[in-house]
Amino acid sequence: MEQKLRVGILGATGMVGQRFISLLEDHPWFEVVTVAASPRSAGKTYEEAVVFAQRVSAIVVTRQGAQTSIPWRREMEEEQTWG
């Protein structure tokens, strides 16, 4: 391929988006030129947004129940002992 295809990744801070970014990092056909995420990531660096997503995931997998295991936003903002 003469020129790489320029691509964007939606949901870049989520688990699947992070995986896409890592898979396309040195890909011979594609070049990641933009990433997008939910409004919760607005104003944050990519690293800050990913760390926040990982913190939420860490809480979810340690609690019982599906819906009830998701932490409230204020809970995440108050918790300063993570990463």
PDB file of N, CA and C in Angstrom:
ATOM      1  N   MET A   1       0.848  -1.162   0.000  1.00  0.00           N
ATOM      2  CA  MET A   1       0.000   0.000   0.000  1.00  0.00           C
ATOM      3  C   MET A   1       0.905   1.240   0.000  1.00  0.00           C
ATOM      4  N   GLU A   2       0.679   2.146  -0.927  1.00  0.00           N
ATOM      5  CA  GLU A   2       1.538   3.316  -1.072  1.00  0.00           C
ATOM      6  C   GLU A   2       1.396   4.307   0.074  1.00  0.00           C
ATOM      7  N   GLN A   3       0.164   4.587   0.473  1.00  0.00           N
ATOM      8  CA  GLN A   3      -0.088   5.567   1.516  1.00  0.00           C
ATOM      9  C   GLN A   3      -1.031   4.957   2.553  1.00  0.00           C
ATOM     10  N   LYS A   4      -0.731   5.179   3.821  1.00  0.00           N
ATOM     11  CA  LYS A   4      -1.578   4.637   4.882  1.00  0.00           C
ATOM     12  C   LYS A   4      -2.944   5.312   4.875  1.00  0.00           C
ATOM     13  N   LEU A   5      -3.971   4.537   5.216  1.00  0.00           N
ATOM     14  CA  LEU A   5      -5.318   5.088   5.369  1.00  0.00           C
ATOM     15  C   LEU A   5      -5.405   5.772   6.726  1.00  0.00           C
ATOM     16  N   ARG A   6      -5.883   6.988   6.730  1.00  0.00           N
ATOM     17  CA  ARG A   6      -6.037   7.749   7.977  1.00  0.00           C
ATOM     18  C   ARG A   6      -7.348   7.351   8.638  1.00  0.00           C
ATOM     19  N   VAL A   7      -7.278   6.959   9.898  1.00  0.00           N
ATOM     20  CA  VAL A   7      -8.458   6.484  10.609  1.00  0.00           C
ATOM     21  C   VAL A   7      -8.620   7.200  11.947  1.00  0.00           C
ATOM     22  N   GLY A   8      -9.839   7.179  12.453  1.00  0.00           N
ATOM     23  CA  GLY A   8     -10.150   7.683  13.777  1.00  0.00           C
ATOM     24  C   GLY A   8     -10.741   6.563  14.605  1.00  0.00           C
ATOM     25  N   ILE A   9     -10.613   6.663  15.904  1.00  0.00           N
ATOM     26  CA  ILE A   9     -11.135   5.635  16.801  1.00  0.00           C
ATOM     27  C   ILE A   9     -12.166   6.270  17.729  1.00  0.00           C
ATOM     28  N   LEU A  10     -13.391   5.757  17.666  1.00  0.00           N
ATOM     29  CA  LEU A  10     -14.459   6.198  18.560  1.00  0.00           C
ATOM     30  C   LEU A  10     -14.414   5.355  19.828  1.00  0.00           C
ATOM     31  N   GLY A  11     -14.676   5.973  20.939  1.00  0.00           N
ATOM     32  CA  GLY A  11     -14.634   5.238  22.201  1.00  0.00           C
ATOM     33  C   GLY A  11     -13.211   4.874  22.588  1.00  0.00           C
ATOM     34  N   ALA A  12     -12.279   5.761  22.307  1.00  0.00           N
ATOM     35  CA  ALA A  12     -10.858   5.475  22.461  1.00  0.00           C
ATOM     36  C   ALA A  12     -10.417   5.196  23.889  1.00  0.00           C
ATOM     37  N   THR A  13     -11.157   5.686  24.882  1.00  0.00           N
ATOM     38  CA  THR A  13     -10.731   5.480  26.267  1.00  0.00           C
ATOM     39  C   THR A  13     -11.283   4.200  26.872  1.00  0.00           C
ATOM     40  N   GLY A  14     -12.213   3.563  26.190  1.00  0.00           N
ATOM     41  CA  GLY A  14     -12.765   2.296  26.679  1.00  0.00           C
ATOM     42  C   GLY A  14     -11.835   1.138  26.382  1.00  0.00           C
ATOM     43  N   MET A  15     -12.193  -0.019  26.898  1.00  0.00           N
ATOM     44  CA  MET A  15     -11.354  -1.203  26.736  1.00  0.00           C
ATOM     45  C   MET A  15     -11.099  -1.545  25.272  1.00  0.00           C
ATOM     46  N   VAL A  16     -12.152  -1.550  24.462  1.00  0.00           N
ATOM     47  CA  VAL A  16     -12.001  -1.902  23.051  1.00  0.00           C
ATOM     48  C   VAL A  16     -11.233  -0.818  22.299  1.00  0.00           C
ATOM     49  N   GLY A  17     -11.537   0.440  22.595  1.00  0.00           N
ATOM     50  CA  GLY A  17     -10.815   1.535  21.955  1.00  0.00           C
ATOM     51  C   GLY A  17      -9.330   1.499  22.253  1.00  0.00           C
ATOM     52  N   GLN A  18      -8.979   1.221  23.511  1.00  0.00           N
ATOM     53  CA  GLN A  18      -7.571   1.114  23.879  1.00  0.00           C
ATOM     54  C   GLN A  18      -6.891  -0.014  23.116  1.00  0.00           C
ATOM     55  N   ARG A  19      -7.618  -1.100  22.947  1.00  0.00           N
ATOM     56  CA  ARG A  19      -7.062  -2.249  22.208  1.00  0.00           C
ATOM     57  C   ARG A  19      -6.844  -1.887  20.745  1.00  0.00           C
ATOM     58  N   PHE A  20      -7.813  -1.204  20.129  1.00  0.00           N
ATOM     59  CA  PHE A  20      -7.653  -0.762  18.746  1.00  0.00           C
ATOM     60  C   PHE A  20      -6.419   0.112  18.597  1.00  0.00           C
ATOM     61  N   ILE A  21      -6.246   1.046  19.517  1.00  0.00           N
ATOM     62  CA  ILE A  21      -5.093   1.936  19.449  1.00  0.00           C
ATOM     63  C   ILE A  21      -3.795   1.138  19.491  1.00  0.00           C
ATOM     64  N   SER A  22      -3.719   0.175  20.387  1.00  0.00           N
ATOM     65  CA  SER A  22      -2.491  -0.618  20.492  1.00  0.00           C
ATOM     66  C   SER A  22      -2.262  -1.473  19.245  1.00  0.00           C
ATOM     67  N   LEU A  23      -3.338  -2.012  18.683  1.00  0.00           N
ATOM     68  CA  LEU A  23      -3.190  -2.841  17.481  1.00  0.00           C
ATOM     69  C   LEU A  23      -2.795  -2.032  16.249  1.00  0.00           C
ATOM     70  N   LEU A  24      -3.240  -0.797  16.192  1.00  0.00           N
ATOM     71  CA  LEU A  24      -2.956   0.033  15.015  1.00  0.00           C
ATOM     72  C   LEU A  24      -1.704   0.886  15.160  1.00  0.00           C
ATOM     73  N   GLU A  25      -1.037   0.802  16.295  1.00  0.00           N
ATOM     74  CA  GLU A  25       0.109   1.663  16.574  1.00  0.00           C
ATOM     75  C   GLU A  25       1.172   1.619  15.477  1.00  0.00           C
ATOM     76  N   ASP A  26       1.581   0.467  15.062  1.00  0.00           N
ATOM     77  CA  ASP A  26       2.603   0.336  14.010  1.00  0.00           C
ATOM     78  C   ASP A  26       2.056  -0.420  12.805  1.00  0.00           C
ATOM     79  N   HIS A  27       0.780  -0.271  12.539  1.00  0.00           N
ATOM     80  CA  HIS A  27       0.142  -1.016  11.447  1.00  0.00           C
ATOM     81  C   HIS A  27       0.643  -0.504  10.095  1.00  0.00           C
ATOM     82  N   PRO A  28       0.911  -1.399   9.161  1.00  0.00           N
ATOM     83  CA  PRO A  28       1.439  -0.974   7.856  1.00  0.00           C
ATOM     84  C   PRO A  28       0.410  -0.284   6.958  1.00  0.00           C
ATOM     85  N   TRP A  29      -0.893  -0.438   7.232  1.00  0.00           N
ATOM     86  CA  TRP A  29      -1.913   0.112   6.332  1.00  0.00           C
ATOM     87  C   TRP A  29      -2.673   1.296   6.917  1.00  0.00           C
ATOM     88  N   PHE A  30      -2.702   1.427   8.244  1.00  0.00           N
ATOM     89  CA  PHE A  30      -3.531   2.440   8.884  1.00  0.00           C
ATOM     90  C   PHE A  30      -2.707   3.381   9.757  1.00  0.00           C
ATOM     91  N   GLU A  31      -3.135   4.636   9.810  1.00  0.00           N
ATOM     92  CA  GLU A  31      -2.533   5.632  10.685  1.00  0.00           C
ATOM     93  C   GLU A  31      -3.650   6.269  11.507  1.00  0.00           C
ATOM     94  N   VAL A  32      -3.558   6.162  12.819  1.00  0.00           N
ATOM     95  CA  VAL A  32      -4.564   6.768  13.699  1.00  0.00           C
ATOM     96  C   VAL A  32      -4.284   8.267  13.762  1.00  0.00           C
ATOM     97  N   VAL A  33      -5.259   9.055  13.298  1.00  0.00           N
ATOM     98  CA  VAL A  33      -5.072  10.509  13.250  1.00  0.00           C
ATOM     99  C   VAL A  33      -5.967  11.255  14.231  1.00  0.00           C
ATOM    100  N   THR A  34      -6.985  10.578  14.735  1.00  0.00           N
ATOM    101  CA  THR A  34      -7.871  11.219  15.714  1.00  0.00           C
ATOM    102  C   THR A  34      -8.516  10.163  16.602  1.00  0.00           C
ATOM    103  N   VAL A  35      -8.826  10.568  17.815  1.00  0.00           N
ATOM    104  CA  VAL A  35      -9.541   9.699  18.748  1.00  0.00           C
ATOM    105  C   VAL A  35     -10.704  10.490  19.325  1.00  0.00           C
ATOM    106  N   ALA A  36     -11.753   9.790  19.694  1.00  0.00           N
ATOM    107  CA  ALA A  36     -12.929  10.439  20.274  1.00  0.00           C
ATOM    108  C   ALA A  36     -13.431   9.585  21.435  1.00  0.00           C
ATOM    109  N   ALA A  37     -14.030  10.268  22.398  1.00  0.00           N
ATOM    110  CA  ALA A  37     -14.558   9.569  23.567  1.00  0.00           C
ATOM    111  C   ALA A  37     -15.825  10.276  24.028  1.00  0.00           C
ATOM    112  N   SER A  38     -16.383   9.808  25.119  1.00  0.00           N
ATOM    113  CA  SER A  38     -17.617  10.383  25.643  1.00  0.00           C
ATOM    114  C   SER A  38     -17.342  11.762  26.257  1.00  0.00           C
ATOM    115  N   PRO A  39     -18.393  12.516  26.505  1.00  0.00           N
ATOM    116  CA  PRO A  39     -18.230  13.831  27.133  1.00  0.00           C
ATOM    117  C   PRO A  39     -17.529  13.776  28.496  1.00  0.00           C
ATOM    118  N   ARG A  40     -17.579  12.631  29.160  1.00  0.00           N
ATOM    119  CA  ARG A  40     -16.883  12.494  30.453  1.00  0.00           C
ATOM    120  C   ARG A  40     -15.379  12.694  30.319  1.00  0.00           C
ATOM    121  N   SER A  41     -14.852  12.497  29.130  1.00  0.00           N
ATOM    122  CA  SER A  41     -13.413  12.631  28.911  1.00  0.00           C
ATOM    123  C   SER A  41     -13.017  14.031  28.440  1.00  0.00           C
ATOM    124  N   ALA A  42     -13.994  14.881  28.238  1.00  0.00           N
ATOM    125  CA  ALA A  42     -13.709  16.235  27.735  1.00  0.00           C
ATOM    126  C   ALA A  42     -12.781  16.987  28.675  1.00  0.00           C
ATOM    127  N   GLY A  43     -11.782  17.629  28.107  1.00  0.00           N
ATOM    128  CA  GLY A  43     -10.847  18.429  28.880  1.00  0.00           C
ATOM    129  C   GLY A  43      -9.728  17.631  29.537  1.00  0.00           C
ATOM    130  N   LYS A  44      -9.758  16.322  29.385  1.00  0.00           N
ATOM    131  CA  LYS A  44      -8.712  15.476  29.964  1.00  0.00           C
ATOM    132  C   LYS A  44      -7.735  15.040  28.887  1.00  0.00           C
ATOM    133  N   THR A  45      -6.511  14.776  29.291  1.00  0.00           N
ATOM    134  CA  THR A  45      -5.576  14.164  28.360  1.00  0.00           C
ATOM    135  C   THR A  45      -6.028  12.727  28.138  1.00  0.00           C
ATOM    136  N   TYR A  46      -5.504  12.097  27.110  1.00  0.00           N
ATOM    137  CA  TYR A  46      -5.852  10.699  26.857  1.00  0.00           C
ATOM    138  C   TYR A  46      -5.470   9.847  28.066  1.00  0.00           C
ATOM    139  N   GLU A  47      -4.303  10.083  28.620  1.00  0.00           N
ATOM    140  CA  GLU A  47      -3.844   9.309  29.773  1.00  0.00           C
ATOM    141  C   GLU A  47      -4.780   9.478  30.970  1.00  0.00           C
ATOM    142  N   GLU A  48      -5.193  10.704  31.270  1.00  0.00           N
ATOM    143  CA  GLU A  48      -6.107  10.945  32.388  1.00  0.00           C
ATOM    144  C   GLU A  48      -7.437  10.222  32.181  1.00  0.00           C
ATOM    145  N   ALA A  49      -7.947  10.269  30.961  1.00  0.00           N
ATOM    146  CA  ALA A  49      -9.226   9.625  30.664  1.00  0.00           C
ATOM    147  C   ALA A  49      -9.124   8.111  30.786  1.00  0.00           C
ATOM    148  N   VAL A  50      -8.019   7.553  30.333  1.00  0.00           N
ATOM    149  CA  VAL A  50      -7.830   6.103  30.406  1.00  0.00           C
ATOM    150  C   VAL A  50      -7.667   5.658  31.856  1.00  0.00           C
ATOM    151  N   VAL A  51      -6.925   6.394  32.641  1.00  0.00           N
ATOM    152  CA  VAL A  51      -6.751   6.047  34.054  1.00  0.00           C
ATOM    153  C   VAL A  51      -8.099   6.067  34.760  1.00  0.00           C
ATOM    154  N   PHE A  52      -8.925   7.069  34.467  1.00  0.00           N
ATOM    155  CA  PHE A  52     -10.260   7.142  35.061  1.00  0.00           C
ATOM    156  C   PHE A  52     -11.072   5.903  34.671  1.00  0.00           C
ATOM    157  N   ALA A  53     -11.060   5.542  33.393  1.00  0.00           N
ATOM    158  CA  ALA A  53     -11.805   4.366  32.923  1.00  0.00           C
ATOM    159  C   ALA A  53     -11.301   3.094  33.602  1.00  0.00           C
ATOM    160  N   GLN A  54     -10.008   2.986  33.796  1.00  0.00           N
ATOM    161  CA  GLN A  54      -9.451   1.809  34.450  1.00  0.00           C
ATOM    162  C   GLN A  54      -9.838   1.760  35.927  1.00  0.00           C
ATOM    163  N   ARG A  55      -9.908   2.914  36.567  1.00  0.00           N
ATOM    164  CA  ARG A  55     -10.342   2.961  37.968  1.00  0.00           C
ATOM    165  C   ARG A  55     -11.775   2.472  38.102  1.00  0.00           C
ATOM    166  N   VAL A  56     -12.640   2.948  37.210  1.00  0.00           N
ATOM    167  CA  VAL A  56     -14.039   2.508  37.227  1.00  0.00           C
ATOM    168  C   VAL A  56     -14.105   1.000  37.029  1.00  0.00           C
ATOM    169  N   SER A  57     -13.350   0.485  36.073  1.00  0.00           N
ATOM    170  CA  SER A  57     -13.345  -0.957  35.803  1.00  0.00           C
ATOM    171  C   SER A  57     -12.886  -1.753  37.017  1.00  0.00           C
ATOM    172  N   ALA A  58     -11.881  -1.244  37.713  1.00  0.00           N
ATOM    173  CA  ALA A  58     -11.372  -1.940  38.892  1.00  0.00           C
ATOM    174  C   ALA A  58     -12.446  -2.061  39.968  1.00  0.00           C
ATOM    175  N   ILE A  59     -13.258  -1.024  40.110  1.00  0.00           N
ATOM    176  CA  ILE A  59     -14.340  -1.073  41.098  1.00  0.00           C
ATOM    177  C   ILE A  59     -15.433  -2.034  40.649  1.00  0.00           C
ATOM    178  N   VAL A  60     -15.813  -1.966  39.400  1.00  0.00           N
ATOM    179  CA  VAL A  60     -16.911  -2.790  38.886  1.00  0.00           C
ATOM    180  C   VAL A  60     -16.630  -4.277  39.070  1.00  0.00           C
ATOM    181  N   VAL A  61     -15.408  -4.709  38.817  1.00  0.00           N
ATOM    182  CA  VAL A  61     -15.120  -6.144  38.894  1.00  0.00           C
ATOM    183  C   VAL A  61     -14.951  -6.644  40.326  1.00  0.00           C
ATOM    184  N   THR A  62     -14.974  -5.745  41.298  1.00  0.00           N
ATOM    185  CA  THR A  62     -14.845  -6.190  42.686  1.00  0.00           C
ATOM    186  C   THR A  62     -16.164  -6.144  43.447  1.00  0.00           C
ATOM    187  N   ARG A  63     -17.234  -5.707  42.793  1.00  0.00           N
ATOM    188  CA  ARG A  63     -18.545  -5.625  43.433  1.00  0.00           C
ATOM    189  C   ARG A  63     -19.503  -6.648  42.838  1.00  0.00           C
ATOM    190  N   GLN A  64     -20.464  -7.044  43.652  1.00  0.00           N
ATOM    191  CA  GLN A  64     -21.480  -7.965  43.163  1.00  0.00           C
ATOM    192  C   GLN A  64     -22.544  -7.210  42.375  1.00  0.00           C
ATOM    193  N   GLY A  65     -23.129  -7.896  41.408  1.00  0.00           N
ATOM    194  CA  GLY A  65     -24.200  -7.315  40.615  1.00  0.00           C
ATOM    195  C   GLY A  65     -23.659  -6.557  39.419  1.00  0.00           C
ATOM    196  N   ALA A  66     -24.459  -6.450  38.400  1.00  0.00           N
ATOM    197  CA  ALA A  66     -24.011  -5.756  37.198  1.00  0.00           C
ATOM    198  C   ALA A  66     -24.265  -4.253  37.307  1.00  0.00           C
ATOM    199  N   GLN A  67     -25.516  -3.860  37.282  1.00  0.00           N
ATOM    200  CA  GLN A  67     -25.868  -2.443  37.327  1.00  0.00           C
ATOM    201  C   GLN A  67     -25.421  -1.795  38.637  1.00  0.00           C
ATOM    202  N   THR A  68     -25.602  -2.479  39.727  1.00  0.00           N
ATOM    203  CA  THR A  68     -25.278  -1.898  41.030  1.00  0.00           C
ATOM    204  C   THR A  68     -23.781  -1.783  41.277  1.00  0.00           C
ATOM    205  N   SER A  69     -22.966  -2.430  40.493  1.00  0.00           N
ATOM    206  CA  SER A  69     -21.525  -2.369  40.706  1.00  0.00           C
ATOM    207  C   SER A  69     -20.893  -1.120  40.095  1.00  0.00           C
ATOM    208  N   ILE A  70     -21.623  -0.421  39.235  1.00  0.00           N
ATOM    209  CA  ILE A  70     -21.085   0.771  38.587  1.00  0.00           C
ATOM    210  C   ILE A  70     -21.033   1.907  39.600  1.00  0.00           C
ATOM    211  N   PRO A  71     -19.840   2.488  39.811  1.00  0.00           N
ATOM    212  CA  PRO A  71     -19.735   3.552  40.805  1.00  0.00           C
ATOM    213  C   PRO A  71     -20.382   4.852  40.341  1.00  0.00           C
ATOM    214  N   TRP A  72     -20.872   5.639  41.289  1.00  0.00           N
ATOM    215  CA  TRP A  72     -21.409   6.956  40.983  1.00  0.00           C
ATOM    216  C   TRP A  72     -20.260   7.896  40.648  1.00  0.00           C
ATOM    217  N   ARG A  73     -20.513   8.890  39.825  1.00  0.00           N
ATOM    218  CA  ARG A  73     -19.485   9.864  39.443  1.00  0.00           C
ATOM    219  C   ARG A  73     -18.867  10.532  40.675  1.00  0.00           C
ATOM    220  N   ARG A  74     -19.697  10.945  41.607  1.00  0.00           N
ATOM    221  CA  ARG A  74     -19.166  11.619  42.812  1.00  0.00           C
ATOM    222  C   ARG A  74     -18.248  10.689  43.588  1.00  0.00           C
ATOM    223  N   GLU A  75     -18.543   9.403  43.569  1.00  0.00           N
ATOM    224  CA  GLU A  75     -17.704   8.421  44.249  1.00  0.00           C
ATOM    225  C   GLU A  75     -16.303   8.382  43.607  1.00  0.00           C
ATOM    226  N   MET A  76     -16.261   8.470  42.307  1.00  0.00           N
ATOM    227  CA  MET A  76     -14.974   8.451  41.603  1.00  0.00           C
ATOM    228  C   MET A  76     -14.204   9.746  41.830  1.00  0.00           C
ATOM    229  N   GLU A  77     -14.913  10.842  41.892  1.00  0.00           N
ATOM    230  CA  GLU A  77     -14.257  12.134  42.090  1.00  0.00           C
ATOM    231  C   GLU A  77     -13.739  12.273  43.515  1.00  0.00           C
ATOM    232  N   GLU A  78     -14.434  11.665  44.480  1.00  0.00           N
ATOM    233  CA  GLU A  78     -14.013  11.727  45.880  1.00  0.00           C
ATOM    234  C   GLU A  78     -12.839  10.793  46.163  1.00  0.00           C
ATOM    235  N   GLU A  79     -12.761   9.711  45.460  1.00  0.00           N
ATOM    236  CA  GLU A  79     -11.724   8.709  45.683  1.00  0.00           C
ATOM    237  C   GLU A  79     -10.394   9.164  45.091  1.00  0.00           C
ATOM    238  N   GLN A  80      -9.440   9.457  45.951  1.00  0.00           N
ATOM    239  CA  GLN A  80      -8.150   9.956  45.487  1.00  0.00           C
ATOM    240  C   GLN A  80      -7.018   8.939  45.695  1.00  0.00           C
ATOM    241  N   THR A  81      -7.330   7.747  46.153  1.00  0.00           N
ATOM    242  CA  THR A  81      -6.282   6.788  46.440  1.00  0.00           C
ATOM    243  C   THR A  81      -5.902   5.931  45.234  1.00  0.00           C
ATOM    244  N   TRP A  82      -6.597   6.112  44.107  1.00  0.00           N
ATOM    245  CA  TRP A  82      -6.317   5.302  42.918  1.00  0.00           C
ATOM    246  C   TRP A  82      -5.270   5.988  42.060  1.00  0.00           C
ATOM    247  N   GLY A  83      -4.472   5.140  41.355  1.00  0.00           N
ATOM    248  CA  GLY A  83      -3.527   5.517  40.308  1.00  0.00           C
ATOM    249  C   GLY A  83      -3.119   6.909  40.350  1.00  0.00           C
TER     250      GLY A  83
END
